[in-house]
Structures are given as structure tokens and as C-alpha cells.
Amino acid sequence: MNDPAKSVLIVAHLAETNVEAVRGQVQDLFQRAGWAVLDPNDWSGQRLDLALVLGGDGTLLRAAELVHDRGTPLLGVNLGHLGFLAECEAGELPAAISQVVAGEYQVEARATVDVTVNRADGEVWQGWALNEVTLEKVLPERMVEIILSVDGQDLSAFGCDGLVVSTATGSTGHAFSGGGPIVWPDLEVLTVVPLAAHALFNRPLLVAPGSRVTVEVSRISRSDGLASCDGRRTFPLAAGDRMDVTIGHQPVNLVRFGAQPFAARLVRKFSLPVRSWRERTPSGDS
């Protein structure tokens, strides 16, 4: 008996230039290869072998949200500006789809975080994130006062604009802009980055993969907080509410072609200078 046809879900950023033309090209290439292209409005309950993402990192985060419970691999095609998580550009699509159809790719598992918010009134909210979970102040004119703990041990209490707990994947995003380090994606650590913290102990922390990071809104805080998972799923926190963050139970799988080192991706995506400015002058003189 023949195996059932494989299927792909195309997730596109509709505001990107020429996205409809690119999506039509992708659909045609997959259908010629015998794959079923699922209706983006009616695909739940059907077999899903791949989610192909047309857009930037925000679109990939949206696609990850759609297929997270299934563990479906995501192939990012950059139509935006940076597209750090994307594996190829629009001009590389035919070759990329040929490799997918032939099974000539690897799946890279990226760690996520699981988030549990326990409110003082007993309500519980649970979420997850691929990049990061943030706690940000609600009132622009007030800091949010928080208590930071790791594995049940209080570390510091301070006022701040917010705090980021990121995965290695998210280390190049919000956490990096807040002064955190870039973390190689195969390190399953949590990076904790306070934002504009009024405290002596305000440096980023790297926390072991088995640890639990807890952020509590202090009862003396004059601003509530807002928890945000990847900027997509939010939940308010008031004084006395607590947020626990751990490495997630379900990773996000990304399609990769070849064994390109992460350092090469950094150089390419951030246009890093690999020669000093002195080497780039004609004489090498200042």
C-alpha cells in the first residue's frame, strides 16, 4: 500500500511585498512533487509534515504557535529585514523545496520555556515561548518592583522597567538589546536580563537548564506588570502575583540544510565585520 501524501502548511506574512506571488510559487512546487498543500483556515486534524513560513521572525513565531503541540518542523523563508531564524531567502526556494521533498535536511530542536503565573487570588495561567518571556511595567511613569528568585532562593529585589527570561534562541533578540549575551542554540540555559533595574545586582544571569526562575511582583510595587510570551500571548500580574519559568517540555523544530556553524549565521545576519577597520583602509594606516 502506498504511503499517504505528505502535506505542508504555508504560513505567510500577508503585508510583505510579493508574498502572494511567492506563496503561489511554493504551492505549485509542492503540488508538482505530490505534496498536499493544506488550507490555512481549515487544516486542524489533518496530517502535517512541514510548516513553511514566508516572512520574518515574527511570522515564524506565529507559525510556531500554530504547530507547537505537534512538533512539526518549520522552514523559515526570509521575506523581511533580518529573519534570523529563517533558513533561506526567497530566491533559494526552488532548491530548498527540492531538498525538503528529497528528505535532504536536518531538524534542529530549539529549547523553549514553560511559563506558569500564579496569581494572589489563586488563578493560574500557563504559557510557553520560543524566544523569551518578559515581565514589563504597565505604568510608564512608575517602575515595577520585583523579587527575583532561582530554585526557591531569593536573589534580589529591585525596581525596574521589566525583566527578560530568554532561551538561547531568544538571546539575539530582546535579551540582547537589554545587554544580555548571545548564547549558542545548543546550550539549554535560561538568560535572565533585568531592564533598567535600580539595583547594584543588575547584571544578566545564565541559569542551568534544570533550574526554575521565579519573578514575583512585590506587594509594595506601585505599578502592575504584564507577562508576555514571544510578544504574542500576554497575562497581567498584580502585586503578589508570581511567574515561574523553566525549560519547556516541547521544543520547536527548525529545518536546517547542511551544518552551517552558528557563528557563520551571526556574521551573515548581523553583517558583522570580520576584518578590522584598519585592514579595510588601503594602506592600513590611521
C-alpha atoms as a PDB file:
ATOM      1  CA  MET A   1       0.000   0.000   0.000  1.00  0.00           C
ATOM      2  CA  ASN A   2       1.321   3.455  -0.893  1.00  0.00           C
ATOM      3  CA  ASP A   3       2.157   5.910   1.859  1.00  0.00           C
ATOM      4  CA  PRO A   4      -0.283   8.824   2.144  1.00  0.00           C
ATOM      5  CA  ALA A   5       0.806  12.049   0.504  1.00  0.00           C
ATOM      6  CA  LYS A   6       2.857  14.352   2.666  1.00  0.00           C
ATOM      7  CA  SER A   7       1.428  17.735   3.464  1.00  0.00           C
ATOM      8  CA  VAL A   8       2.630  21.266   4.064  1.00  0.00           C
ATOM      9  CA  LEU A   9       1.059  24.302   5.714  1.00  0.00           C
ATOM     10  CA  ILE A  10       2.134  27.673   4.306  1.00  0.00           C
ATOM     11  CA  VAL A  11       2.155  30.489   6.869  1.00  0.00           C
ATOM     12  CA  ALA A  12       2.703  33.881   5.235  1.00  0.00           C
ATOM     13  CA  HIS A  13       3.107  37.490   6.318  1.00  0.00           C
ATOM     14  CA  LEU A  14       0.472  38.997   4.053  1.00  0.00           C
ATOM     15  CA  ALA A  15       1.864  42.542   4.325  1.00  0.00           C
ATOM     16  CA  GLU A  16       5.215  41.601   2.775  1.00  0.00           C
ATOM     17  CA  THR A  17       5.822  42.687  -0.818  1.00  0.00           C
ATOM     18  CA  ASN A  18       5.107  39.991  -3.443  1.00  0.00           C
ATOM     19  CA  VAL A  19       4.116  37.451  -0.791  1.00  0.00           C
ATOM     20  CA  GLU A  20       1.162  36.214  -2.845  1.00  0.00           C
ATOM     21  CA  ALA A  21       3.396  35.518  -5.825  1.00  0.00           C
ATOM     22  CA  VAL A  22       5.904  33.678  -3.648  1.00  0.00           C
ATOM     23  CA  ARG A  23       3.159  31.678  -1.976  1.00  0.00           C
ATOM     24  CA  GLY A  24       1.784  30.690  -5.375  1.00  0.00           C
ATOM     25  CA  GLN A  25       5.254  29.548  -6.445  1.00  0.00           C
ATOM     26  CA  VAL A  26       5.662  27.488  -3.269  1.00  0.00           C
ATOM     27  CA  GLN A  27       2.251  25.871  -3.647  1.00  0.00           C
ATOM     28  CA  ASP A  28       2.966  24.940  -7.255  1.00  0.00           C
ATOM     29  CA  LEU A  29       6.357  23.409  -6.410  1.00  0.00           C
ATOM     30  CA  PHE A  30       4.950  21.252  -3.609  1.00  0.00           C
ATOM     31  CA  GLN A  31       1.932  20.098  -5.596  1.00  0.00           C
ATOM     32  CA  ARG A  32       4.167  19.086  -8.510  1.00  0.00           C
ATOM     33  CA  ALA A  33       6.128  16.972  -6.034  1.00  0.00           C
ATOM     34  CA  GLY A  34       2.930  15.254  -4.898  1.00  0.00           C
ATOM     35  CA  TRP A  35       2.541  17.039  -1.581  1.00  0.00           C
ATOM     36  CA  ALA A  36      -0.807  18.267  -0.331  1.00  0.00           C
ATOM     37  CA  VAL A  37      -0.974  21.989   0.462  1.00  0.00           C
ATOM     38  CA  LEU A  38      -3.329  22.473   3.384  1.00  0.00           C
ATOM     39  CA  ASP A  39      -5.932  25.194   3.646  1.00  0.00           C
ATOM     40  CA  PRO A  40      -4.578  27.680   6.242  1.00  0.00           C
ATOM     41  CA  ASN A  41      -8.132  28.201   7.524  1.00  0.00           C
ATOM     42  CA  ASP A  42      -9.061  24.534   7.831  1.00  0.00           C
ATOM     43  CA  TRP A  43      -6.162  22.169   8.496  1.00  0.00           C
ATOM     44  CA  SER A  44      -6.569  21.009  12.101  1.00  0.00           C
ATOM     45  CA  GLY A  45      -6.903  17.261  12.480  1.00  0.00           C
ATOM     46  CA  GLN A  46      -5.032  16.575   9.237  1.00  0.00           C
ATOM     47  CA  ARG A  47      -1.583  15.104   8.773  1.00  0.00           C
ATOM     48  CA  LEU A  48       1.064  17.826   8.784  1.00  0.00           C
ATOM     49  CA  ASP A  49       4.681  17.133   7.783  1.00  0.00           C
ATOM     50  CA  LEU A  50       6.037  20.664   7.407  1.00  0.00           C
ATOM     51  CA  ALA A  51       5.140  24.289   8.037  1.00  0.00           C
ATOM     52  CA  LEU A  52       6.767  26.632   5.529  1.00  0.00           C
ATOM     53  CA  VAL A  53       6.990  30.199   6.778  1.00  0.00           C
ATOM     54  CA  LEU A  54       7.113  33.192   4.411  1.00  0.00           C
ATOM     55  CA  GLY A  55       8.111  36.345   6.266  1.00  0.00           C
ATOM     56  CA  GLY A  56      10.407  37.320   9.123  1.00  0.00           C
ATOM     57  CA  ASP A  57      10.973  36.099  12.649  1.00  0.00           C
ATOM     58  CA  GLY A  58       7.585  37.383  13.805  1.00  0.00           C
ATOM     59  CA  THR A  59       5.838  35.218  11.220  1.00  0.00           C
ATOM     60  CA  LEU A  60       7.896  32.214  12.280  1.00  0.00           C
ATOM     61  CA  LEU A  61       6.868  32.770  15.903  1.00  0.00           C
ATOM     62  CA  ARG A  62       3.232  32.815  14.754  1.00  0.00           C
ATOM     63  CA  ALA A  63       3.741  29.558  12.866  1.00  0.00           C
ATOM     64  CA  ALA A  64       5.456  28.006  15.891  1.00  0.00           C
ATOM     65  CA  GLU A  65       2.395  28.895  17.946  1.00  0.00           C
ATOM     66  CA  LEU A  66       0.130  27.137  15.418  1.00  0.00           C
ATOM     67  CA  VAL A  67       2.029  23.834  15.317  1.00  0.00           C
ATOM     68  CA  HIS A  68       3.745  23.759  18.719  1.00  0.00           C
ATOM     69  CA  ASP A  69       1.722  20.861  20.134  1.00  0.00           C
ATOM     70  CA  ARG A  70       2.537  18.696  17.103  1.00  0.00           C
ATOM     71  CA  GLY A  71       6.307  19.293  16.967  1.00  0.00           C
ATOM     72  CA  THR A  72       6.041  19.925  13.215  1.00  0.00           C
ATOM     73  CA  PRO A  73       9.307  21.135  11.604  1.00  0.00           C
ATOM     74  CA  LEU A  74       9.335  24.773  10.464  1.00  0.00           C
ATOM     75  CA  LEU A  75      11.172  26.012   7.378  1.00  0.00           C
ATOM     76  CA  GLY A  76      11.645  29.774   7.508  1.00  0.00           C
ATOM     77  CA  VAL A  77      11.961  31.734   4.256  1.00  0.00           C
ATOM     78  CA  ASN A  78      13.058  35.303   4.889  1.00  0.00           C
ATOM     79  CA  LEU A  79      10.949  37.997   3.234  1.00  0.00           C
ATOM     80  CA  GLY A  80      11.675  40.574   5.935  1.00  0.00           C
ATOM     81  CA  HIS A  81      14.730  42.531   7.007  1.00  0.00           C
ATOM     82  CA  LEU A  82      16.705  40.245   9.340  1.00  0.00           C
ATOM     83  CA  GLY A  83      14.966  36.889   9.510  1.00  0.00           C
ATOM     84  CA  PHE A  84      17.444  35.455  11.991  1.00  0.00           C
ATOM     85  CA  LEU A  85      15.553  32.176  12.342  1.00  0.00           C
ATOM     86  CA  ALA A  86      14.957  31.752   8.598  1.00  0.00           C
ATOM     87  CA  GLU A  87      16.964  29.131   6.774  1.00  0.00           C
ATOM     88  CA  CYS A  88      16.824  30.569   3.261  1.00  0.00           C
ATOM     89  CA  GLU A  89      15.936  33.605   1.179  1.00  0.00           C
ATOM     90  CA  ALA A  90      13.113  33.825  -1.364  1.00  0.00           C
ATOM     91  CA  GLY A  91      15.477  33.275  -4.310  1.00  0.00           C
ATOM     92  CA  GLU A  92      16.593  29.949  -2.840  1.00  0.00           C
ATOM     93  CA  LEU A  93      13.086  28.498  -2.619  1.00  0.00           C
ATOM     94  CA  PRO A  94      13.154  26.046  -5.551  1.00  0.00           C
ATOM     95  CA  ALA A  95      16.361  24.414  -4.315  1.00  0.00           C
ATOM     96  CA  ALA A  96      15.119  24.391  -0.727  1.00  0.00           C
ATOM     97  CA  ILE A  97      11.830  22.711  -1.612  1.00  0.00           C
ATOM     98  CA  SER A  98      13.678  20.132  -3.718  1.00  0.00           C
ATOM     99  CA  GLN A  99      15.796  19.255  -0.695  1.00  0.00           C
ATOM    100  CA  VAL A 100      12.738  19.003   1.553  1.00  0.00           C
ATOM    101  CA  VAL A 101      10.931  16.734  -0.898  1.00  0.00           C
ATOM    102  CA  ALA A 102      14.030  14.531  -1.163  1.00  0.00           C
ATOM    103  CA  GLY A 103      14.397  14.425   2.622  1.00  0.00           C
ATOM    104  CA  GLU A 104      17.810  16.092   2.410  1.00  0.00           C
ATOM    105  CA  TYR A 105      17.608  18.234   5.522  1.00  0.00           C
ATOM    106  CA  GLN A 106      18.161  18.101   9.255  1.00  0.00           C
ATOM    107  CA  VAL A 107      15.808  19.023  12.078  1.00  0.00           C
ATOM    108  CA  GLU A 108      17.268  21.230  14.774  1.00  0.00           C
ATOM    109  CA  ALA A 109      15.396  21.158  18.095  1.00  0.00           C
ATOM    110  CA  ARG A 110      15.294  24.555  19.800  1.00  0.00           C
ATOM    111  CA  ALA A 111      14.561  24.716  23.509  1.00  0.00           C
ATOM    112  CA  THR A 112      11.504  26.639  24.676  1.00  0.00           C
ATOM    113  CA  VAL A 113      10.390  27.919  28.073  1.00  0.00           C
ATOM    114  CA  ASP A 114       7.290  26.921  30.007  1.00  0.00           C
ATOM    115  CA  VAL A 115       5.663  29.706  31.999  1.00  0.00           C
ATOM    116  CA  THR A 116       3.282  29.433  34.935  1.00  0.00           C
ATOM    117  CA  VAL A 117       1.700  32.510  36.534  1.00  0.00           C
ATOM    118  CA  ASN A 118       0.206  32.046  39.989  1.00  0.00           C
ATOM    119  CA  ARG A 119      -1.972  34.978  40.987  1.00  0.00           C
ATOM    120  CA  ALA A 120      -2.506  36.001  44.583  1.00  0.00           C
ATOM    121  CA  ASP A 121      -6.236  35.230  44.160  1.00  0.00           C
ATOM    122  CA  GLY A 122      -5.478  31.598  43.220  1.00  0.00           C
ATOM    123  CA  GLU A 123      -5.902  31.906  39.451  1.00  0.00           C
ATOM    124  CA  VAL A 124      -3.290  30.053  37.394  1.00  0.00           C
ATOM    125  CA  TRP A 125      -2.200  30.848  33.823  1.00  0.00           C
ATOM    126  CA  GLN A 126       0.183  28.739  31.754  1.00  0.00           C
ATOM    127  CA  GLY A 127       2.049  29.569  28.575  1.00  0.00           C
ATOM    128  CA  TRP A 128       5.227  28.913  26.654  1.00  0.00           C
ATOM    129  CA  ALA A 129       7.707  30.795  24.463  1.00  0.00           C
ATOM    130  CA  LEU A 130      10.386  30.067  21.900  1.00  0.00           C
ATOM    131  CA  ASN A 131      12.300  33.331  22.300  1.00  0.00           C
ATOM    132  CA  GLU A 132      11.509  34.782  25.697  1.00  0.00           C
ATOM    133  CA  VAL A 133       9.022  35.656  28.366  1.00  0.00           C
ATOM    134  CA  THR A 134       9.106  39.232  29.581  1.00  0.00           C
ATOM    135  CA  LEU A 135       7.648  40.982  32.563  1.00  0.00           C
ATOM    136  CA  GLU A 136       7.161  44.680  31.820  1.00  0.00           C
ATOM    137  CA  LYS A 137       5.759  47.544  33.843  1.00  0.00           C
ATOM    138  CA  VAL A 138       2.269  48.743  32.979  1.00  0.00           C
ATOM    139  CA  LEU A 139       2.556  52.372  34.103  1.00  0.00           C
ATOM    140  CA  PRO A 140       5.107  54.393  32.093  1.00  0.00           C
ATOM    141  CA  GLU A 141       5.797  56.754  34.993  1.00  0.00           C
ATOM    142  CA  ARG A 142       6.343  54.008  37.609  1.00  0.00           C
ATOM    143  CA  MET A 143       8.800  51.153  37.985  1.00  0.00           C
ATOM    144  CA  VAL A 144       7.538  47.681  38.727  1.00  0.00           C
ATOM    145  CA  GLU A 145       9.056  46.314  41.945  1.00  0.00           C
ATOM    146  CA  ILE A 146      10.015  42.657  41.643  1.00  0.00           C
ATOM    147  CA  ILE A 147      11.622  39.870  43.654  1.00  0.00           C
ATOM    148  CA  LEU A 148      13.903  37.601  41.605  1.00  0.00           C
ATOM    149  CA  SER A 149      14.479  34.020  42.799  1.00  0.00           C
ATOM    150  CA  VAL A 150      16.206  30.941  41.384  1.00  0.00           C
ATOM    151  CA  ASP A 151      15.308  27.446  42.635  1.00  0.00           C
ATOM    152  CA  GLY A 152      13.378  28.893  45.551  1.00  0.00           C
ATOM    153  CA  GLN A 153      16.199  31.137  46.740  1.00  0.00           C
ATOM    154  CA  ASP A 154      15.520  34.878  46.655  1.00  0.00           C
ATOM    155  CA  LEU A 155      18.423  36.618  44.881  1.00  0.00           C
ATOM    156  CA  SER A 156      17.451  40.270  44.692  1.00  0.00           C
ATOM    157  CA  ALA A 157      14.561  42.713  44.956  1.00  0.00           C
ATOM    158  CA  PHE A 158      14.550  45.869  42.858  1.00  0.00           C
ATOM    159  CA  GLY A 159      12.527  48.300  40.802  1.00  0.00           C
ATOM    160  CA  CYS A 160      12.881  48.134  37.029  1.00  0.00           C
ATOM    161  CA  ASP A 161      11.219  48.718  33.679  1.00  0.00           C
ATOM    162  CA  GLY A 162      10.974  44.969  33.289  1.00  0.00           C
ATOM    163  CA  LEU A 163      12.854  41.703  33.042  1.00  0.00           C
ATOM    164  CA  VAL A 164      13.507  39.187  30.260  1.00  0.00           C
ATOM    165  CA  VAL A 165      13.950  35.435  30.661  1.00  0.00           C
ATOM    166  CA  SER A 166      15.114  34.103  27.313  1.00  0.00           C
ATOM    167  CA  THR A 167      16.107  30.850  25.680  1.00  0.00           C
ATOM    168  CA  ALA A 168      19.298  30.532  23.664  1.00  0.00           C
ATOM    169  CA  THR A 169      17.170  31.178  20.576  1.00  0.00           C
ATOM    170  CA  GLY A 170      15.886  34.417  22.066  1.00  0.00           C
ATOM    171  CA  SER A 171      19.316  35.578  23.168  1.00  0.00           C
ATOM    172  CA  THR A 172      19.752  37.533  19.919  1.00  0.00           C
ATOM    173  CA  GLY A 173      16.501  39.439  20.428  1.00  0.00           C
ATOM    174  CA  HIS A 174      15.001  41.310  23.378  1.00  0.00           C
ATOM    175  CA  ALA A 175      17.560  39.931  25.846  1.00  0.00           C
ATOM    176  CA  PHE A 176      20.472  41.046  23.644  1.00  0.00           C
ATOM    177  CA  SER A 177      19.077  44.559  23.309  1.00  0.00           C
ATOM    178  CA  GLY A 178      18.865  44.672  27.111  1.00  0.00           C
ATOM    179  CA  GLY A 179      22.566  43.833  27.497  1.00  0.00           C
ATOM    180  CA  GLY A 180      22.426  40.030  27.624  1.00  0.00           C
ATOM    181  CA  PRO A 181      24.947  37.688  25.957  1.00  0.00           C
ATOM    182  CA  ILE A 182      24.477  35.815  22.698  1.00  0.00           C
ATOM    183  CA  VAL A 183      24.051  32.134  23.550  1.00  0.00           C
ATOM    184  CA  TRP A 184      24.751  29.270  21.138  1.00  0.00           C
ATOM    185  CA  PRO A 185      21.460  27.442  20.424  1.00  0.00           C
ATOM    186  CA  ASP A 186      22.597  24.023  21.660  1.00  0.00           C
ATOM    187  CA  LEU A 187      23.024  25.396  25.196  1.00  0.00           C
ATOM    188  CA  GLU A 188      19.775  24.829  27.076  1.00  0.00           C
ATOM    189  CA  VAL A 189      20.281  27.658  29.544  1.00  0.00           C
ATOM    190  CA  LEU A 190      17.993  30.453  30.654  1.00  0.00           C
ATOM    191  CA  THR A 191      19.253  34.020  30.344  1.00  0.00           C
ATOM    192  CA  VAL A 192      17.807  36.474  32.867  1.00  0.00           C
ATOM    193  CA  VAL A 193      18.202  40.148  31.889  1.00  0.00           C
ATOM    194  CA  PRO A 194      16.855  42.994  34.079  1.00  0.00           C
ATOM    195  CA  LEU A 195      15.748  46.069  32.115  1.00  0.00           C
ATOM    196  CA  ALA A 196      16.756  49.466  33.550  1.00  0.00           C
ATOM    197  CA  ALA A 197      16.990  47.983  37.033  1.00  0.00           C
ATOM    198  CA  HIS A 198      17.581  50.245  40.033  1.00  0.00           C
ATOM    199  CA  ALA A 199      19.839  47.787  41.826  1.00  0.00           C
ATOM    200  CA  LEU A 200      23.516  47.036  42.395  1.00  0.00           C
ATOM    201  CA  PHE A 201      22.923  43.411  41.379  1.00  0.00           C
ATOM    202  CA  ASN A 202      21.529  44.057  37.924  1.00  0.00           C
ATOM    203  CA  ARG A 203      23.762  42.033  35.609  1.00  0.00           C
ATOM    204  CA  PRO A 204      22.420  39.268  33.324  1.00  0.00           C
ATOM    205  CA  LEU A 205      22.407  35.734  34.697  1.00  0.00           C
ATOM    206  CA  LEU A 206      22.876  32.400  32.920  1.00  0.00           C
ATOM    207  CA  VAL A 207      20.795  29.781  34.716  1.00  0.00           C
ATOM    208  CA  ALA A 208      21.178  25.999  34.476  1.00  0.00           C
ATOM    209  CA  PRO A 209      18.644  24.065  32.350  1.00  0.00           C
ATOM    210  CA  GLY A 210      17.123  22.250  35.327  1.00  0.00           C
ATOM    211  CA  SER A 211      16.541  25.399  37.339  1.00  0.00           C
ATOM    212  CA  ARG A 212      13.400  27.434  37.956  1.00  0.00           C
ATOM    213  CA  VAL A 213      13.415  31.216  37.645  1.00  0.00           C
ATOM    214  CA  THR A 214      10.738  32.968  39.685  1.00  0.00           C
ATOM    215  CA  VAL A 215       9.718  36.593  39.307  1.00  0.00           C
ATOM    216  CA  GLU A 216       7.242  37.988  41.825  1.00  0.00           C
ATOM    217  CA  VAL A 217       5.644  41.414  41.712  1.00  0.00           C
ATOM    218  CA  SER A 218       6.350  42.871  45.139  1.00  0.00           C
ATOM    219  CA  ARG A 219       3.435  43.889  47.346  1.00  0.00           C
ATOM    220  CA  ILE A 220       4.990  47.378  47.548  1.00  0.00           C
ATOM    221  CA  SER A 221       5.007  47.809  43.764  1.00  0.00           C
ATOM    222  CA  ARG A 222       3.231  50.934  42.523  1.00  0.00           C
ATOM    223  CA  SER A 223       2.863  49.519  39.009  1.00  0.00           C
ATOM    224  CA  ASP A 224       1.365  46.247  37.851  1.00  0.00           C
ATOM    225  CA  GLY A 225       3.234  44.081  35.395  1.00  0.00           C
ATOM    226  CA  LEU A 226       2.394  42.376  32.106  1.00  0.00           C
ATOM    227  CA  ALA A 227       3.832  38.968  31.243  1.00  0.00           C
ATOM    228  CA  SER A 228       4.375  38.383  27.527  1.00  0.00           C
ATOM    229  CA  CYS A 229       5.391  35.157  25.763  1.00  0.00           C
ATOM    230  CA  ASP A 230       7.164  35.984  22.483  1.00  0.00           C
ATOM    231  CA  GLY A 231       5.177  39.215  22.396  1.00  0.00           C
ATOM    232  CA  ARG A 232       2.101  37.193  21.391  1.00  0.00           C
ATOM    233  CA  ARG A 233       0.465  35.729  24.493  1.00  0.00           C
ATOM    234  CA  THR A 234       0.061  38.056  27.476  1.00  0.00           C
ATOM    235  CA  PHE A 235      -1.194  37.938  31.044  1.00  0.00           C
ATOM    236  CA  PRO A 236      -1.384  40.719  33.665  1.00  0.00           C
ATOM    237  CA  LEU A 237       0.434  40.457  37.001  1.00  0.00           C
ATOM    238  CA  ALA A 238      -0.534  42.477  40.069  1.00  0.00           C
ATOM    239  CA  ALA A 239       1.188  42.845  43.425  1.00  0.00           C
ATOM    240  CA  GLY A 240       1.705  39.413  44.990  1.00  0.00           C
ATOM    241  CA  ASP A 241       1.481  37.524  41.690  1.00  0.00           C
ATOM    242  CA  ARG A 242       4.313  35.142  40.812  1.00  0.00           C
ATOM    243  CA  MET A 243       5.710  33.896  37.479  1.00  0.00           C
ATOM    244  CA  ASP A 244       7.748  30.667  37.255  1.00  0.00           C
ATOM    245  CA  VAL A 245       9.884  29.959  34.178  1.00  0.00           C
ATOM    246  CA  THR A 246      11.590  26.656  33.314  1.00  0.00           C
ATOM    247  CA  ILE A 247      12.987  24.997  30.200  1.00  0.00           C
ATOM    248  CA  GLY A 248       9.987  23.834  28.168  1.00  0.00           C
ATOM    249  CA  HIS A 249       8.796  20.259  27.750  1.00  0.00           C
ATOM    250  CA  GLN A 250       8.165  20.667  23.988  1.00  0.00           C
ATOM    251  CA  PRO A 251      10.924  22.087  21.754  1.00  0.00           C
ATOM    252  CA  VAL A 252      10.367  23.856  18.441  1.00  0.00           C
ATOM    253  CA  ASN A 253      11.860  22.059  15.435  1.00  0.00           C
ATOM    254  CA  LEU A 254      13.559  24.052  12.676  1.00  0.00           C
ATOM    255  CA  VAL A 255      14.556  22.749   9.246  1.00  0.00           C
ATOM    256  CA  ARG A 256      18.253  23.187   8.517  1.00  0.00           C
ATOM    257  CA  PHE A 257      20.256  22.465   5.348  1.00  0.00           C
ATOM    258  CA  GLY A 258      23.836  21.411   5.972  1.00  0.00           C
ATOM    259  CA  ALA A 259      25.906  22.015   9.070  1.00  0.00           C
ATOM    260  CA  GLN A 260      26.483  25.764   8.933  1.00  0.00           C
ATOM    261  CA  PRO A 261      28.078  26.883  12.214  1.00  0.00           C
ATOM    262  CA  PHE A 262      26.088  29.282  14.349  1.00  0.00           C
ATOM    263  CA  ALA A 263      28.956  31.779  14.161  1.00  0.00           C
ATOM    264  CA  ALA A 264      28.500  31.962  10.385  1.00  0.00           C
ATOM    265  CA  ARG A 265      24.808  32.762  10.879  1.00  0.00           C
ATOM    266  CA  LEU A 266      25.746  35.565  13.271  1.00  0.00           C
ATOM    267  CA  VAL A 267      28.167  37.071  10.771  1.00  0.00           C
ATOM    268  CA  ARG A 268      25.703  36.806   7.874  1.00  0.00           C
ATOM    269  CA  LYS A 269      22.572  38.014   9.635  1.00  0.00           C
ATOM    270  CA  PHE A 270      24.173  40.854  11.594  1.00  0.00           C
ATOM    271  CA  SER A 271      26.651  41.801   8.837  1.00  0.00           C
ATOM    272  CA  LEU A 272      29.459  41.568  11.386  1.00  0.00           C
ATOM    273  CA  PRO A 273      32.856  42.972  10.325  1.00  0.00           C
ATOM    274  CA  VAL A 274      35.311  40.094  10.253  1.00  0.00           C
ATOM    275  CA  ARG A 275      38.173  42.401   9.315  1.00  0.00           C
ATOM    276  CA  SER A 276      39.164  45.367  11.406  1.00  0.00           C
ATOM    277  CA  TRP A 277      38.684  48.894  10.051  1.00  0.00           C
ATOM    278  CA  ARG A 278      42.485  49.191   9.800  1.00  0.00           C
ATOM    279  CA  GLU A 279      42.629  46.219   7.440  1.00  0.00           C
ATOM    280  CA  ARG A 280      39.948  47.765   5.258  1.00  0.00           C
ATOM    281  CA  THR A 281      41.883  51.017   4.630  1.00  0.00           C
ATOM    282  CA  PRO A 282      44.147  50.995   1.534  1.00  0.00           C
ATOM    283  CA  SER A 283      47.356  51.486   3.500  1.00  0.00           C
ATOM    284  CA  GLY A 284      46.323  50.102   6.854  1.00  0.00           C
ATOM    285  CA  ASP A 285      47.255  53.434   8.410  1.00  0.00           C
ATOM    286  CA  SER A 286      45.021  55.538  10.585  1.00  0.00           C
END
